[in-house]
């Protein structure tokens, strides 16, 4: 399954040590998938006009994702993505894996 979380207005300056930064004070959100569904995620991302090079692999948080603008978020929802907050998804995933 593919997910999008709520739009958030990130600060204009990146966090210390951030290698990349998206948002510049404008609303953005994340597009991600359940483990093992990366191909479906990339297919949906491409269908709404995202480049594969924009995919971010996050080793610290484990949230491998694309960043979305409000317009791309709407397109992702129309293409079948499900609204869910990352923390809710992560808690569910951990329960199912027996990590909680």
PDB file of N, CA and C in Angstrom:
ATOM      1  N   UNK A   1       0.843  -1.181   0.000  1.00  0.00           N
ATOM      2  CA  UNK A   1       0.000   0.000   0.000  1.00  0.00           C
ATOM      3  C   UNK A   1       0.889   1.244   0.000  1.00  0.00           C
ATOM      4  N   UNK A   2       0.388   2.306  -0.626  1.00  0.00           N
ATOM      5  CA  UNK A   2       1.116   3.571  -0.730  1.00  0.00           C
ATOM      6  C   UNK A   2       0.426   4.588   0.168  1.00  0.00           C
ATOM      7  N   UNK A   3       1.217   5.427   0.852  1.00  0.00           N
ATOM      8  CA  UNK A   3       0.686   6.357   1.839  1.00  0.00           C
ATOM      9  C   UNK A   3       1.186   7.781   1.607  1.00  0.00           C
ATOM     10  N   UNK A   4       0.371   8.748   2.055  1.00  0.00           N
ATOM     11  CA  UNK A   4       0.788  10.151   2.166  1.00  0.00           C
ATOM     12  C   UNK A   4       0.402  10.627   3.559  1.00  0.00           C
ATOM     13  N   UNK A   5       1.250  11.454   4.152  1.00  0.00           N
ATOM     14  CA  UNK A   5       0.912  12.026   5.449  1.00  0.00           C
ATOM     15  C   UNK A   5       0.419  13.456   5.256  1.00  0.00           C
ATOM     16  N   UNK A   6       0.163  14.135   6.352  1.00  0.00           N
ATOM     17  CA  UNK A   6      -0.366  15.504   6.309  1.00  0.00           C
ATOM     18  C   UNK A   6       0.682  16.486   5.815  1.00  0.00           C
ATOM     19  N   UNK A   7       0.200  17.556   5.234  1.00  0.00           N
ATOM     20  CA  UNK A   7       1.092  18.638   4.824  1.00  0.00           C
ATOM     21  C   UNK A   7       1.625  19.351   6.057  1.00  0.00           C
ATOM     22  N   UNK A   8       2.907  19.678   6.012  1.00  0.00           N
ATOM     23  CA  UNK A   8       3.581  20.390   7.106  1.00  0.00           C
ATOM     24  C   UNK A   8       4.372  21.534   6.491  1.00  0.00           C
ATOM     25  N   UNK A   9       4.372  22.673   7.158  1.00  0.00           N
ATOM     26  CA  UNK A   9       5.200  23.798   6.725  1.00  0.00           C
ATOM     27  C   UNK A   9       6.533  23.710   7.453  1.00  0.00           C
ATOM     28  N   UNK A  10       7.568  23.285   6.782  1.00  0.00           N
ATOM     29  CA  UNK A  10       8.892  23.162   7.382  1.00  0.00           C
ATOM     30  C   UNK A  10       9.542  24.536   7.453  1.00  0.00           C
ATOM     31  N   UNK A  11      10.455  24.746   8.393  1.00  0.00           N
ATOM     32  CA  UNK A  11      11.140  26.045   8.466  1.00  0.00           C
ATOM     33  C   UNK A  11      11.930  26.321   7.195  1.00  0.00           C
ATOM     34  N   UNK A  12      12.250  27.578   6.998  1.00  0.00           N
ATOM     35  CA  UNK A  12      12.966  27.946   5.774  1.00  0.00           C
ATOM     36  C   UNK A  12      14.417  27.513   5.781  1.00  0.00           C
ATOM     37  N   UNK A  13      15.003  27.369   6.942  1.00  0.00           N
ATOM     38  CA  UNK A  13      16.411  26.959   7.002  1.00  0.00           C
ATOM     39  C   UNK A  13      16.489  25.462   7.317  1.00  0.00           C
ATOM     40  N   UNK A  14      17.392  24.749   6.671  1.00  0.00           N
ATOM     41  CA  UNK A  14      17.523  23.321   6.952  1.00  0.00           C
ATOM     42  C   UNK A  14      18.064  23.065   8.354  1.00  0.00           C
ATOM     43  N   UNK A  15      17.771  21.891   8.857  1.00  0.00           N
ATOM     44  CA  UNK A  15      18.309  21.477  10.161  1.00  0.00           C
ATOM     45  C   UNK A  15      19.825  21.371  10.048  1.00  0.00           C
ATOM     46  N   UNK A  16      20.539  21.623  11.139  1.00  0.00           N
ATOM     47  CA  UNK A  16      22.007  21.482  11.101  1.00  0.00           C
ATOM     48  C   UNK A  16      22.400  20.088  10.632  1.00  0.00           C
ATOM     49  N   UNK A  17      23.310  20.036   9.698  1.00  0.00           N
ATOM     50  CA  UNK A  17      23.797  18.753   9.183  1.00  0.00           C
ATOM     51  C   UNK A  17      22.941  18.157   8.087  1.00  0.00           C
ATOM     52  N   UNK A  18      21.870  18.810   7.711  1.00  0.00           N
ATOM     53  CA  UNK A  18      21.010  18.271   6.653  1.00  0.00           C
ATOM     54  C   UNK A  18      21.743  18.330   5.325  1.00  0.00           C
ATOM     55  N   UNK A  19      21.744  17.199   4.618  1.00  0.00           N
ATOM     56  CA  UNK A  19      22.425  17.165   3.321  1.00  0.00           C
ATOM     57  C   UNK A  19      21.544  17.749   2.220  1.00  0.00           C
ATOM     58  N   UNK A  20      20.253  17.458   2.307  1.00  0.00           N
ATOM     59  CA  UNK A  20      19.316  17.976   1.314  1.00  0.00           C
ATOM     60  C   UNK A  20      18.177  18.636   2.060  1.00  0.00           C
ATOM     61  N   UNK A  21      17.497  19.526   1.359  1.00  0.00           N
ATOM     62  CA  UNK A  21      16.398  20.220   2.015  1.00  0.00           C
ATOM     63  C   UNK A  21      15.294  20.479   1.015  1.00  0.00           C
ATOM     64  N   UNK A  22      14.078  20.238   1.448  1.00  0.00           N
ATOM     65  CA  UNK A  22      12.921  20.437   0.594  1.00  0.00           C
ATOM     66  C   UNK A  22      11.899  21.243   1.373  1.00  0.00           C
ATOM     67  N   UNK A  23      11.190  22.098   0.745  1.00  0.00           N
ATOM     68  CA  UNK A  23      10.103  22.813   1.387  1.00  0.00           C
ATOM     69  C   UNK A  23      10.288  24.310   1.373  1.00  0.00           C
ATOM     70  N   UNK A  24      11.437  24.783   1.836  1.00  0.00           N
ATOM     71  CA  UNK A  24      11.736  26.214   1.848  1.00  0.00           C
ATOM     72  C   UNK A  24      10.592  27.030   2.446  1.00  0.00           C
ATOM     73  N   UNK A  25      10.034  26.537   3.564  1.00  0.00           N
ATOM     74  CA  UNK A  25       8.965  27.251   4.225  1.00  0.00           C
ATOM     75  C   UNK A  25       7.589  27.017   3.644  1.00  0.00           C
ATOM     76  N   UNK A  26       7.485  26.179   2.619  1.00  0.00           N
ATOM     77  CA  UNK A  26       6.206  25.884   1.975  1.00  0.00           C
ATOM     78  C   UNK A  26       5.713  24.504   2.438  1.00  0.00           C
ATOM     79  N   UNK A  27       4.408  24.254   2.383  1.00  0.00           N
ATOM     80  CA  UNK A  27       3.883  22.957   2.819  1.00  0.00           C
ATOM     81  C   UNK A  27       4.403  21.810   1.947  1.00  0.00           C
ATOM     82  N   UNK A  28       4.700  20.702   2.600  1.00  0.00           N
ATOM     83  CA  UNK A  28       5.087  19.484   1.889  1.00  0.00           C
ATOM     84  C   UNK A  28       4.717  18.291   2.760  1.00  0.00           C
ATOM     85  N   UNK A  29       4.789  17.104   2.171  1.00  0.00           N
ATOM     86  CA  UNK A  29       4.494  15.877   2.900  1.00  0.00           C
ATOM     87  C   UNK A  29       5.307  14.743   2.282  1.00  0.00           C
ATOM     88  N   UNK A  30       5.069  13.519   2.771  1.00  0.00           N
ATOM     89  CA  UNK A  30       5.821  12.348   2.328  1.00  0.00           C
ATOM     90  C   UNK A  30       4.919  11.364   1.593  1.00  0.00           C
ATOM     91  N   UNK A  31       5.503  10.670   0.635  1.00  0.00           N
ATOM     92  CA  UNK A  31       4.871   9.559  -0.083  1.00  0.00           C
ATOM     93  C   UNK A  31       5.755   8.350   0.139  1.00  0.00           C
ATOM     94  N   UNK A  32       5.201   7.270   0.732  1.00  0.00           N
ATOM     95  CA  UNK A  32       5.995   6.066   1.021  1.00  0.00           C
ATOM     96  C   UNK A  32       5.118   4.833   0.906  1.00  0.00           C
ATOM     97  N   UNK A  33       5.699   3.668   1.143  1.00  0.00           N
ATOM     98  CA  UNK A  33       4.965   2.421   0.945  1.00  0.00           C
ATOM     99  C   UNK A  33       5.283   1.402   2.038  1.00  0.00           C
ATOM    100  N   UNK A  34       4.474   0.345   2.059  1.00  0.00           N
ATOM    101  CA  UNK A  34       4.761  -0.780   2.940  1.00  0.00           C
ATOM    102  C   UNK A  34       6.038  -1.465   2.465  1.00  0.00           C
ATOM    103  N   UNK A  35       6.737  -2.156   3.386  1.00  0.00           N
ATOM    104  CA  UNK A  35       7.961  -2.864   2.988  1.00  0.00           C
ATOM    105  C   UNK A  35       7.695  -3.831   1.829  1.00  0.00           C
ATOM    106  N   UNK A  36       8.626  -3.842   0.893  1.00  0.00           N
ATOM    107  CA  UNK A  36       8.540  -4.750  -0.246  1.00  0.00           C
ATOM    108  C   UNK A  36       7.693  -4.245  -1.397  1.00  0.00           C
ATOM    109  N   UNK A  37       7.154  -3.043  -1.292  1.00  0.00           N
ATOM    110  CA  UNK A  37       6.298  -2.511  -2.350  1.00  0.00           C
ATOM    111  C   UNK A  37       6.922  -1.326  -3.074  1.00  0.00           C
ATOM    112  N   UNK A  38       8.251  -1.263  -3.055  1.00  0.00           N
ATOM    113  CA  UNK A  38       8.942  -0.136  -3.693  1.00  0.00           C
ATOM    114  C   UNK A  38       8.593   0.009  -5.165  1.00  0.00           C
ATOM    115  N   UNK A  39       8.442  -1.104  -5.882  1.00  0.00           N
ATOM    116  CA  UNK A  39       8.122  -1.004  -7.308  1.00  0.00           C
ATOM    117  C   UNK A  39       6.787  -0.289  -7.524  1.00  0.00           C
ATOM    118  N   UNK A  40       5.804  -0.597  -6.686  1.00  0.00           N
ATOM    119  CA  UNK A  40       4.493   0.047  -6.783  1.00  0.00           C
ATOM    120  C   UNK A  40       4.618   1.534  -6.445  1.00  0.00           C
ATOM    121  N   UNK A  41       5.417   1.841  -5.425  1.00  0.00           N
ATOM    122  CA  UNK A  41       5.646   3.241  -5.051  1.00  0.00           C
ATOM    123  C   UNK A  41       6.262   4.019  -6.206  1.00  0.00           C
ATOM    124  N   UNK A  42       7.313   3.470  -6.809  1.00  0.00           N
ATOM    125  CA  UNK A  42       7.987   4.178  -7.906  1.00  0.00           C
ATOM    126  C   UNK A  42       7.064   4.332  -9.117  1.00  0.00           C
ATOM    127  N   UNK A  43       6.219   3.338  -9.349  1.00  0.00           N
ATOM    128  CA  UNK A  43       5.277   3.411 -10.466  1.00  0.00           C
ATOM    129  C   UNK A  43       4.269   4.543 -10.237  1.00  0.00           C
ATOM    130  N   UNK A  44       3.716   4.612  -9.029  1.00  0.00           N
ATOM    131  CA  UNK A  44       2.775   5.686  -8.726  1.00  0.00           C
ATOM    132  C   UNK A  44       3.475   7.043  -8.805  1.00  0.00           C
ATOM    133  N   UNK A  45       4.665   7.122  -8.226  1.00  0.00           N
ATOM    134  CA  UNK A  45       5.423   8.376  -8.255  1.00  0.00           C
ATOM    135  C   UNK A  45       5.645   8.844  -9.694  1.00  0.00           C
ATOM    136  N   UNK A  46       6.044   7.936 -10.553  1.00  0.00           N
ATOM    137  CA  UNK A  46       6.262   8.302 -11.953  1.00  0.00           C
ATOM    138  C   UNK A  46       4.957   8.753 -12.603  1.00  0.00           C
ATOM    139  N   UNK A  47       3.846   8.099 -12.257  1.00  0.00           N
ATOM    140  CA  UNK A  47       2.566   8.441 -12.877  1.00  0.00           C
ATOM    141  C   UNK A  47       2.087   9.845 -12.507  1.00  0.00           C
ATOM    142  N   UNK A  48       2.580  10.394 -11.386  1.00  0.00           N
ATOM    143  CA  UNK A  48       2.184  11.751 -10.998  1.00  0.00           C
ATOM    144  C   UNK A  48       3.280  12.772 -11.292  1.00  0.00           C
ATOM    145  N   UNK A  49       4.314  12.345 -12.013  1.00  0.00           N
ATOM    146  CA  UNK A  49       5.324  13.282 -12.483  1.00  0.00           C
ATOM    147  C   UNK A  49       6.558  13.433 -11.614  1.00  0.00           C
ATOM    148  N   UNK A  50       6.797  12.476 -10.710  1.00  0.00           N
ATOM    149  CA  UNK A  50       8.013  12.547  -9.890  1.00  0.00           C
ATOM    150  C   UNK A  50       9.157  11.812 -10.571  1.00  0.00           C
ATOM    151  N   UNK A  51      10.349  12.296 -10.367  1.00  0.00           N
ATOM    152  CA  UNK A  51      11.551  11.644 -10.900  1.00  0.00           C
ATOM    153  C   UNK A  51      12.087  10.644  -9.887  1.00  0.00           C
ATOM    154  N   UNK A  52      12.571   9.533 -10.372  1.00  0.00           N
ATOM    155  CA  UNK A  52      13.135   8.512  -9.485  1.00  0.00           C
ATOM    156  C   UNK A  52      14.303   9.077  -8.670  1.00  0.00           C
ATOM    157  N   UNK A  53      15.023  10.031  -9.235  1.00  0.00           N
ATOM    158  CA  UNK A  53      16.166  10.627  -8.531  1.00  0.00           C
ATOM    159  C   UNK A  53      15.731  11.414  -7.300  1.00  0.00           C
ATOM    160  N   UNK A  54      14.438  11.712  -7.168  1.00  0.00           N
ATOM    161  CA  UNK A  54      13.934  12.432  -6.006  1.00  0.00           C
ATOM    162  C   UNK A  54      13.620  11.509  -4.830  1.00  0.00           C
ATOM    163  N   UNK A  55      13.697  10.196  -5.037  1.00  0.00           N
ATOM    164  CA  UNK A  55      13.439   9.228  -3.974  1.00  0.00           C
ATOM    165  C   UNK A  55      14.539   9.344  -2.926  1.00  0.00           C
ATOM    166  N   UNK A  56      14.142   9.415  -1.656  1.00  0.00           N
ATOM    167  CA  UNK A  56      15.101   9.599  -0.570  1.00  0.00           C
ATOM    168  C   UNK A  56      15.170   8.334   0.291  1.00  0.00           C
ATOM    169  N   UNK A  57      16.366   7.834   0.469  1.00  0.00           N
ATOM    170  CA  UNK A  57      16.598   6.685   1.342  1.00  0.00           C
ATOM    171  C   UNK A  57      17.088   7.224   2.674  1.00  0.00           C
ATOM    172  N   UNK A  58      16.298   7.003   3.715  1.00  0.00           N
ATOM    173  CA  UNK A  58      16.589   7.525   5.043  1.00  0.00           C
ATOM    174  C   UNK A  58      17.064   6.405   5.956  1.00  0.00           C
ATOM    175  N   UNK A  59      18.341   6.339   6.195  1.00  0.00           N
ATOM    176  CA  UNK A  59      18.889   5.292   7.047  1.00  0.00           C
ATOM    177  C   UNK A  59      18.555   5.484   8.520  1.00  0.00           C
ATOM    178  N   UNK A  60      18.431   6.722   8.977  1.00  0.00           N
ATOM    179  CA  UNK A  60      18.158   6.969  10.392  1.00  0.00           C
ATOM    180  C   UNK A  60      16.705   6.695  10.753  1.00  0.00           C
ATOM    181  N   UNK A  61      15.766   7.193   9.971  1.00  0.00           N
ATOM    182  CA  UNK A  61      14.350   7.031  10.302  1.00  0.00           C
ATOM    183  C   UNK A  61      13.730   5.796   9.666  1.00  0.00           C
ATOM    184  N   UNK A  62      14.310   5.320   8.589  1.00  0.00           N
ATOM    185  CA  UNK A  62      13.714   4.193   7.874  1.00  0.00           C
ATOM    186  C   UNK A  62      12.585   4.607   6.951  1.00  0.00           C
ATOM    187  N   UNK A  63      12.284   5.902   6.875  1.00  0.00           N
ATOM    188  CA  UNK A  63      11.212   6.373   6.000  1.00  0.00           C
ATOM    189  C   UNK A  63      11.784   6.695   4.621  1.00  0.00           C
ATOM    190  N   UNK A  64      11.864   5.682   3.787  1.00  0.00           N
ATOM    191  CA  UNK A  64      12.269   5.894   2.401  1.00  0.00           C
ATOM    192  C   UNK A  64      11.059   6.498   1.694  1.00  0.00           C
ATOM    193  N   UNK A  65      11.249   7.648   1.055  1.00  0.00           N
ATOM    194  CA  UNK A  65      10.094   8.398   0.598  1.00  0.00           C
ATOM    195  C   UNK A  65      10.410   9.384  -0.516  1.00  0.00           C
ATOM    196  N   UNK A  66       9.335   9.922  -1.062  1.00  0.00           N
ATOM    197  CA  UNK A  66       9.374  11.088  -1.924  1.00  0.00           C
ATOM    198  C   UNK A  66       8.751  12.237  -1.133  1.00  0.00           C
ATOM    199  N   UNK A  67       9.230  13.458  -1.334  1.00  0.00           N
ATOM    200  CA  UNK A  67       8.584  14.643  -0.789  1.00  0.00           C
ATOM    201  C   UNK A  67       7.564  15.131  -1.817  1.00  0.00           C
ATOM    202  N   UNK A  68       6.420  15.587  -1.314  1.00  0.00           N
ATOM    203  CA  UNK A  68       5.355  16.048  -2.205  1.00  0.00           C
ATOM    204  C   UNK A  68       4.939  17.474  -1.896  1.00  0.00           C
ATOM    205  N   UNK A  69       4.643  18.222  -2.925  1.00  0.00           N
ATOM    206  CA  UNK A  69       3.990  19.522  -2.798  1.00  0.00           C
ATOM    207  C   UNK A  69       2.492  19.263  -2.608  1.00  0.00           C
ATOM    208  N   UNK A  70       1.722  20.280  -2.222  1.00  0.00           N
ATOM    209  CA  UNK A  70       0.273  20.072  -2.082  1.00  0.00           C
ATOM    210  C   UNK A  70      -0.388  19.538  -3.355  1.00  0.00           C
ATOM    211  N   UNK A  71       0.008  20.051  -4.498  1.00  0.00           N
ATOM    212  CA  UNK A  71      -0.582  19.583  -5.758  1.00  0.00           C
ATOM    213  C   UNK A  71      -0.254  18.128  -6.050  1.00  0.00           C
ATOM    214  N   UNK A  72       0.985  17.741  -5.813  1.00  0.00           N
ATOM    215  CA  UNK A  72       1.379  16.341  -6.037  1.00  0.00           C
ATOM    216  C   UNK A  72       0.706  15.423  -5.022  1.00  0.00           C
ATOM    217  N   UNK A  73       0.461  15.929  -3.799  1.00  0.00           N
ATOM    218  CA  UNK A  73      -0.249  15.136  -2.789  1.00  0.00           C
ATOM    219  C   UNK A  73      -1.651  14.795  -3.296  1.00  0.00           C
ATOM    220  N   UNK A  74      -2.349  15.802  -3.850  1.00  0.00           N
ATOM    221  CA  UNK A  74      -3.681  15.546  -4.400  1.00  0.00           C
ATOM    222  C   UNK A  74      -3.639  14.524  -5.524  1.00  0.00           C
ATOM    223  N   UNK A  75      -2.646  14.633  -6.392  1.00  0.00           N
ATOM    224  CA  UNK A  75      -2.510  13.658  -7.478  1.00  0.00           C
ATOM    225  C   UNK A  75      -2.254  12.255  -6.938  1.00  0.00           C
ATOM    226  N   UNK A  76      -1.416  12.148  -5.893  1.00  0.00           N
ATOM    227  CA  UNK A  76      -1.126  10.841  -5.295  1.00  0.00           C
ATOM    228  C   UNK A  76      -2.393  10.222  -4.706  1.00  0.00           C
ATOM    229  N   UNK A  77      -3.210  11.034  -4.040  1.00  0.00           N
ATOM    230  CA  UNK A  77      -4.469  10.530  -3.486  1.00  0.00           C
ATOM    231  C   UNK A  77      -5.415  10.071  -4.594  1.00  0.00           C
ATOM    232  N   UNK A  78      -5.498  10.846  -5.668  1.00  0.00           N
ATOM    233  CA  UNK A  78      -6.337  10.453  -6.807  1.00  0.00           C
ATOM    234  C   UNK A  78      -5.836   9.175  -7.456  1.00  0.00           C
ATOM    235  N   UNK A  79      -4.515   8.942  -7.385  1.00  0.00           N
ATOM    236  CA  UNK A  79      -3.911   7.744  -7.983  1.00  0.00           C
ATOM    237  C   UNK A  79      -3.997   6.529  -7.057  1.00  0.00           C
ATOM    238  N   UNK A  80      -4.554   6.709  -5.847  1.00  0.00           N
ATOM    239  CA  UNK A  80      -4.769   5.564  -4.974  1.00  0.00           C
ATOM    240  C   UNK A  80      -4.006   5.539  -3.671  1.00  0.00           C
ATOM    241  N   UNK A  81      -3.198   6.542  -3.383  1.00  0.00           N
ATOM    242  CA  UNK A  81      -2.481   6.576  -2.108  1.00  0.00           C
ATOM    243  C   UNK A  81      -3.488   6.762  -0.965  1.00  0.00           C
ATOM    244  N   UNK A  82      -3.116   6.273   0.205  1.00  0.00           N
ATOM    245  CA  UNK A  82      -3.957   6.337   1.395  1.00  0.00           C
ATOM    246  C   UNK A  82      -3.392   7.362   2.366  1.00  0.00           C
ATOM    247  N   UNK A  83      -4.268   8.168   2.968  1.00  0.00           N
ATOM    248  CA  UNK A  83      -3.813   9.131   3.976  1.00  0.00           C
ATOM    249  C   UNK A  83      -3.515   8.396   5.284  1.00  0.00           C
ATOM    250  N   UNK A  84      -2.323   8.614   5.817  1.00  0.00           N
ATOM    251  CA  UNK A  84      -1.944   8.048   7.105  1.00  0.00           C
ATOM    252  C   UNK A  84      -0.728   8.803   7.620  1.00  0.00           C
ATOM    253  N   UNK A  85      -0.709   9.065   8.902  1.00  0.00           N
ATOM    254  CA  UNK A  85       0.464   9.702   9.497  1.00  0.00           C
ATOM    255  C   UNK A  85       1.571   8.662   9.634  1.00  0.00           C
ATOM    256  N   UNK A  86       2.800   9.089   9.408  1.00  0.00           N
ATOM    257  CA  UNK A  86       3.924   8.162   9.456  1.00  0.00           C
ATOM    258  C   UNK A  86       4.019   7.468  10.817  1.00  0.00           C
ATOM    259  N   UNK A  87       3.838   8.199  11.912  1.00  0.00           N
ATOM    260  CA  UNK A  87       3.941   7.595  13.249  1.00  0.00           C
ATOM    261  C   UNK A  87       2.909   6.490  13.445  1.00  0.00           C
ATOM    262  N   UNK A  88       1.687   6.686  12.938  1.00  0.00           N
ATOM    263  CA  UNK A  88       0.652   5.651  13.033  1.00  0.00           C
ATOM    264  C   UNK A  88       1.053   4.422  12.227  1.00  0.00           C
ATOM    265  N   UNK A  89       1.558   4.646  11.014  1.00  0.00           N
ATOM    266  CA  UNK A  89       1.993   3.542  10.167  1.00  0.00           C
ATOM    267  C   UNK A  89       3.149   2.787  10.817  1.00  0.00           C
ATOM    268  N   UNK A  90       4.121   3.519  11.362  1.00  0.00           N
ATOM    269  CA  UNK A  90       5.278   2.892  11.979  1.00  0.00           C
ATOM    270  C   UNK A  90       4.877   2.072  13.203  1.00  0.00           C
ATOM    271  N   UNK A  91       3.962   2.587  14.008  1.00  0.00           N
ATOM    272  CA  UNK A  91       3.481   1.838  15.173  1.00  0.00           C
ATOM    273  C   UNK A  91       2.795   0.548  14.746  1.00  0.00           C
ATOM    274  N   UNK A  92       1.947   0.634  13.734  1.00  0.00           N
ATOM    275  CA  UNK A  92       1.264  -0.563  13.223  1.00  0.00           C
ATOM    276  C   UNK A  92       2.260  -1.580  12.687  1.00  0.00           C
ATOM    277  N   UNK A  93       3.221  -1.076  11.922  1.00  0.00           N
ATOM    278  CA  UNK A  93       4.234  -1.965  11.335  1.00  0.00           C
ATOM    279  C   UNK A  93       5.022  -2.679  12.432  1.00  0.00           C
ATOM    280  N   UNK A  94       5.386  -1.957  13.475  1.00  0.00           N
ATOM    281  CA  UNK A  94       6.141  -2.558  14.582  1.00  0.00           C
ATOM    282  C   UNK A  94       5.319  -3.604  15.341  1.00  0.00           C
ATOM    283  N   UNK A  95       4.018  -3.298  15.562  1.00  0.00           N
ATOM    284  CA  UNK A  95       3.152  -4.272  16.227  1.00  0.00           C
ATOM    285  C   UNK A  95       3.059  -5.559  15.423  1.00  0.00           C
ATOM    286  N   UNK A  96       2.856  -5.401  14.104  1.00  0.00           N
ATOM    287  CA  UNK A  96       2.725  -6.575  13.241  1.00  0.00           C
ATOM    288  C   UNK A  96       4.000  -7.397  13.189  1.00  0.00           C
ATOM    289  N   UNK A  97       5.150  -6.721  13.336  1.00  0.00           N
ATOM    290  CA  UNK A  97       6.432  -7.419  13.306  1.00  0.00           C
ATOM    291  C   UNK A  97       6.821  -7.958  14.688  1.00  0.00           C
ATOM    292  N   UNK A  98       6.028  -7.595  15.724  1.00  0.00           N
ATOM    293  CA  UNK A  98       6.348  -8.030  17.076  1.00  0.00           C
ATOM    294  C   UNK A  98       7.447  -7.233  17.732  1.00  0.00           C
ATOM    295  N   UNK A  99       7.711  -6.019  17.223  1.00  0.00           N
ATOM    296  CA  UNK A  99       8.775  -5.161  17.767  1.00  0.00           C
ATOM    297  C   UNK A  99       8.298  -4.323  18.933  1.00  0.00           C
ATOM    298  N   UNK A 100       6.989  -4.274  19.217  1.00  0.00           N
ATOM    299  CA  UNK A 100       6.474  -3.467  20.338  1.00  0.00           C
ATOM    300  C   UNK A 100       6.151  -4.341  21.515  1.00  0.00           C
TER     301      UNK A 100
END
